[in-house]
Amino acid sequence: MNKNEKISPQEIETWIFDLDNTLYPVTKRLLAHIDEHMGGFVANYLGISREEAHQVQKSYFRKYGLTLRGLMIHDGLDPAQYFEEMTPMDLNEVDPNPSLGIDIARLQGRKIIYTNASAHHARLVLDRMGFDKDVFEGIFDIQAAEYIPKPAIDGYQQLCDRYSVDPKRAAMIDDIARNLEPAAKLGMMTVWKKTGAEWAKDVDVENHIDHVVVDMQNWIQTILKTTTS
């Protein structure tokens, strides 16, 4: 195989999945809940109005990919305080989907979650969805990435080191197209889970995206059919 040639899904040894809006849809109501919750934290921490907090929140998210990262860099936030005060989101908006977990488990190779959120949040969501605890070998969260969020390439390299992942035999699945660029640079097969989210609008399918998927479970089932046939 040429070093620049991507392998097929059937040859993947490690599957790396984003969580929010990739394995389940983040509804408008849930997004509003998260937005309100984060806005309240920013306002209280900085001692500013909710309107000002909203502007800070969005500015940091656009610049760093994570509001938490901006607060750490510019405002001296201790991330421990953030995770202590930010209570879990309302998981009633997350629909159970145990069959997706079963299909992911059937994929040949290892499976890892890579999220800009916390491992605690990821475990709550996976439990709510009805996934067995052994579907994923590990959860690489924002703390494991030393609070450097995607799409900084550092986290991807740390994940590969921690789990002994050969990136040229790995696939990265994410709903944010720019998060796939560093994965592609490392040689991973990249899968963009296209959604109706605001950040997915008017996004060009650039060369660093190998596959575009609208229905995640249908795509996985297609791979399973070709692998087992």
Protein backbone atom coordinates (compact mmCIF):
# COMPACT_ATOMS: atom_id res chain seq x y z
CA MET A 1 0.00 0.00 0.00
CA ASN A 2 1.30 3.43 -0.91
CA LYS A 3 2.03 5.52 2.21
CA ASN A 4 -0.45 8.18 1.00
CA GLU A 5 -3.19 5.67 0.21
CA LYS A 6 -6.01 5.31 2.75
CA ILE A 7 -7.16 1.84 3.71
CA SER A 8 -10.78 0.73 3.44
CA PRO A 9 -13.22 0.59 6.39
CA GLN A 10 -12.90 -3.19 6.37
CA GLU A 11 -9.18 -2.88 7.19
CA ILE A 12 -9.48 -0.52 10.14
CA GLU A 13 -7.88 -1.69 13.39
CA THR A 14 -8.98 1.20 15.66
CA TRP A 15 -12.23 3.16 15.45
CA ILE A 16 -12.17 6.56 17.16
CA PHE A 17 -15.61 8.09 17.71
CA ASP A 18 -16.56 11.58 18.77
CA LEU A 19 -19.55 11.55 21.13
CA ASP A 20 -21.92 14.53 21.10
CA ASN A 21 -23.82 14.97 17.83
CA THR A 22 -21.95 11.97 16.38
CA LEU A 23 -23.30 8.98 18.27
CA TYR A 24 -26.54 10.78 19.12
CA PRO A 25 -28.19 14.00 17.88
CA VAL A 26 -27.91 17.11 20.02
CA THR A 27 -31.42 18.54 19.79
CA LYS A 28 -32.16 22.26 19.72
CA ARG A 29 -33.62 22.00 23.20
CA LEU A 30 -30.54 20.23 24.53
CA LEU A 31 -28.25 22.72 22.80
CA ALA A 32 -30.19 25.59 24.40
CA HIS A 33 -29.87 23.90 27.80
CA ILE A 34 -26.09 23.54 27.39
CA ASP A 35 -25.80 27.10 26.13
CA GLU A 36 -27.78 28.47 29.08
CA HIS A 37 -25.83 26.40 31.57
CA MET A 38 -22.47 27.48 30.18
CA GLY A 39 -23.58 31.11 29.98
CA GLY A 40 -24.52 31.06 33.64
CA PHE A 41 -21.15 29.66 34.63
CA VAL A 42 -19.23 32.26 32.58
CA ALA A 43 -21.34 35.11 33.98
CA ASN A 44 -20.83 33.98 37.58
CA TYR A 45 -17.12 33.29 37.19
CA LEU A 46 -16.29 36.58 35.44
CA GLY A 47 -18.88 38.67 37.32
CA ILE A 48 -20.50 39.96 34.13
CA SER A 49 -23.99 40.06 32.67
CA ARG A 50 -25.50 37.11 30.84
CA GLU A 51 -25.38 39.08 27.59
CA GLU A 52 -21.66 39.76 28.00
CA ALA A 53 -21.09 36.16 29.06
CA HIS A 54 -22.77 34.94 25.88
CA GLN A 55 -20.37 37.02 23.77
CA VAL A 56 -17.34 35.72 25.71
CA GLN A 57 -18.60 32.17 25.49
CA LYS A 58 -19.04 32.24 21.71
CA SER A 59 -15.77 34.09 21.14
CA TYR A 60 -13.77 31.52 23.10
CA PHE A 61 -15.54 28.62 21.43
CA ARG A 62 -14.80 29.96 17.95
CA LYS A 63 -11.15 30.66 18.77
CA TYR A 64 -10.24 27.62 20.86
CA GLY A 65 -12.93 25.03 20.08
CA LEU A 66 -13.89 25.02 23.76
CA THR A 67 -15.09 27.82 26.04
CA LEU A 68 -13.27 26.19 28.95
CA ARG A 69 -9.94 26.56 27.15
CA GLY A 70 -10.47 30.28 26.64
CA LEU A 71 -11.35 30.78 30.30
CA MET A 72 -8.18 28.93 31.31
CA ILE A 73 -5.93 30.97 29.00
CA HIS A 74 -7.39 34.42 29.53
CA ASP A 75 -9.11 34.32 32.90
CA GLY A 76 -7.09 31.87 35.01
CA LEU A 77 -9.84 29.31 35.44
CA ASP A 78 -8.90 26.14 37.29
CA PRO A 79 -10.62 23.37 35.26
CA ALA A 80 -11.35 21.51 38.51
CA GLN A 81 -13.68 24.36 39.49
CA TYR A 82 -15.40 24.15 36.13
CA PHE A 83 -16.14 20.43 36.41
CA GLU A 84 -17.17 20.81 40.05
CA GLU A 85 -19.73 23.54 39.33
CA MET A 86 -21.00 22.41 35.93
CA THR A 87 -23.70 19.88 36.76
CA PRO A 88 -24.57 17.16 34.20
CA MET A 89 -26.88 18.16 31.39
CA ASP A 90 -30.48 16.94 31.08
CA LEU A 91 -30.11 13.51 29.48
CA ASN A 92 -33.85 13.16 28.90
CA GLU A 93 -33.18 14.66 25.47
CA VAL A 94 -30.87 11.74 24.61
CA ASP A 95 -32.83 8.82 23.17
CA PRO A 96 -31.77 5.27 24.07
CA ASN A 97 -30.25 3.46 21.10
CA PRO A 98 -28.79 0.15 22.29
CA SER A 99 -28.80 -1.32 18.77
CA LEU A 100 -26.20 1.24 17.69
CA GLY A 101 -23.94 0.06 20.49
CA ILE A 102 -24.41 -3.54 19.38
CA ASP A 103 -23.46 -2.66 15.79
CA ILE A 104 -20.39 -0.66 16.88
CA ALA A 105 -19.29 -3.59 19.04
CA ARG A 106 -19.53 -5.87 15.99
CA LEU A 107 -17.04 -3.77 14.01
CA GLN A 108 -13.69 -5.50 13.76
CA GLY A 109 -11.03 -3.71 15.80
CA ARG A 110 -10.83 -1.57 18.89
CA LYS A 111 -13.18 1.33 19.64
CA ILE A 112 -12.31 4.51 21.53
CA ILE A 113 -14.30 7.65 22.39
CA TYR A 114 -12.50 10.96 21.81
CA THR A 115 -14.46 13.89 23.23
CA ASN A 116 -13.85 17.51 24.19
CA ALA A 117 -16.21 16.86 27.12
CA SER A 118 -15.44 14.93 30.29
CA ALA A 119 -15.25 11.16 30.62
CA HIS A 120 -17.96 11.40 33.28
CA HIS A 121 -20.29 13.05 30.78
CA ALA A 122 -19.43 10.43 28.15
CA ARG A 123 -20.20 7.55 30.51
CA LEU A 124 -23.55 9.09 31.48
CA VAL A 125 -24.51 9.50 27.82
CA LEU A 126 -23.44 5.98 26.83
CA ASP A 127 -25.36 4.56 29.78
CA ARG A 128 -28.44 6.58 28.79
CA MET A 129 -28.14 5.25 25.23
CA GLY A 130 -28.04 1.70 26.54
CA PHE A 131 -24.53 0.81 25.38
CA ASP A 132 -22.78 -2.09 27.08
CA LYS A 133 -19.81 -0.98 29.14
CA ASP A 134 -17.35 -3.00 27.04
CA VAL A 135 -18.23 -1.46 23.65
CA PHE A 136 -15.41 1.08 23.98
CA GLU A 137 -11.93 0.22 25.18
CA GLY A 138 -11.41 3.72 26.52
CA ILE A 139 -12.64 7.31 26.71
CA PHE A 140 -10.08 9.96 25.83
CA ASP A 141 -11.55 13.16 27.26
CA ILE A 142 -10.53 16.79 27.66
CA GLN A 143 -8.61 16.05 30.87
CA ALA A 144 -6.61 13.28 29.18
CA ALA A 145 -5.78 15.77 26.42
CA GLU A 146 -4.42 18.16 29.08
CA TYR A 147 -7.33 20.52 28.39
CA ILE A 148 -6.22 21.14 24.80
CA PRO A 149 -9.37 20.54 22.73
CA LYS A 150 -9.84 19.27 19.22
CA PRO A 151 -8.80 20.27 16.59
CA ALA A 152 -5.30 20.84 18.07
CA ILE A 153 -3.22 17.93 16.82
CA ASP A 154 -1.57 17.41 20.23
CA GLY A 155 -4.56 15.51 21.59
CA TYR A 156 -4.72 13.17 18.61
CA GLN A 157 -1.06 12.30 19.08
CA GLN A 158 -1.53 11.77 22.82
CA LEU A 159 -4.47 9.47 22.16
CA CYS A 160 -2.40 7.41 19.72
CA ASP A 161 0.44 7.19 22.24
CA ARG A 162 -1.79 6.24 25.16
CA TYR A 163 -3.62 3.47 23.31
CA SER A 164 -0.77 2.42 20.98
CA VAL A 165 -2.82 3.33 17.93
CA ASP A 166 -1.32 3.13 14.45
CA PRO A 167 -3.00 6.17 12.84
CA LYS A 168 -2.65 4.67 9.37
CA ARG A 169 -4.83 1.80 10.58
CA ALA A 170 -7.35 4.00 12.38
CA ALA A 171 -10.55 5.84 11.53
CA MET A 172 -11.78 9.10 13.09
CA ILE A 173 -15.50 9.90 13.08
CA ASP A 174 -16.62 13.40 14.05
CA ASP A 175 -19.50 15.79 13.34
CA ILE A 176 -17.21 18.83 13.06
CA ALA A 177 -15.35 18.78 9.76
CA ARG A 178 -12.35 20.78 10.99
CA ASN A 179 -11.75 18.18 13.73
CA LEU A 180 -10.91 15.67 11.01
CA GLU A 181 -8.06 17.67 9.51
CA PRO A 182 -5.42 16.72 12.14
CA ALA A 183 -6.62 13.10 12.00
CA ALA A 184 -6.00 13.11 8.25
CA LYS A 185 -2.54 14.63 8.75
CA LEU A 186 -1.67 11.67 10.96
CA GLY A 187 -2.86 9.30 8.24
CA MET A 188 -6.24 8.28 9.64
CA MET A 189 -9.27 7.50 7.54
CA THR A 190 -11.73 10.33 8.24
CA VAL A 191 -15.51 10.17 8.45
CA TRP A 192 -17.62 13.31 8.70
CA LYS A 193 -20.97 12.71 10.42
CA LYS A 194 -22.97 15.40 8.67
CA THR A 195 -25.73 16.98 10.74
CA GLY A 196 -28.06 19.95 10.56
CA ALA A 197 -26.09 21.85 13.19
CA GLU A 198 -25.17 25.48 12.61
CA TRP A 199 -21.45 24.67 12.37
CA ALA A 200 -22.15 22.08 9.63
CA LYS A 201 -23.81 24.52 7.25
CA ASP A 202 -21.97 25.69 4.13
CA VAL A 203 -19.05 23.34 4.87
CA ASP A 204 -17.13 22.14 1.83
CA VAL A 205 -16.12 18.50 1.71
CA GLU A 206 -12.37 19.06 1.46
CA ASN A 207 -9.62 16.56 0.72
CA HIS A 208 -9.09 15.68 4.38
CA ILE A 209 -12.58 14.11 4.52
CA ASP A 210 -12.73 10.56 3.15
CA HIS A 211 -16.36 9.70 3.87
CA VAL A 212 -19.51 11.74 4.51
CA VAL A 213 -22.16 9.94 6.57
CA VAL A 214 -25.70 11.09 7.35
CA ASP A 215 -26.99 7.92 9.03
CA MET A 216 -24.24 6.51 11.27
CA GLN A 217 -25.92 3.20 12.02
CA ASN A 218 -26.78 2.52 8.38
CA TRP A 219 -23.15 3.20 7.41
CA ILE A 220 -21.83 0.83 10.08
CA GLN A 221 -24.28 -1.87 9.02
CA THR A 222 -23.07 -1.53 5.43
CA ILE A 223 -19.48 -2.11 6.61
CA LEU A 224 -20.60 -5.11 8.66
CA LYS A 225 -22.32 -6.67 5.65
CA THR A 226 -19.24 -6.36 3.46
CA THR A 227 -16.96 -7.59 6.24
CA THR A 228 -18.97 -10.67 7.12
CA SER A 229 -20.11 -11.61 3.60
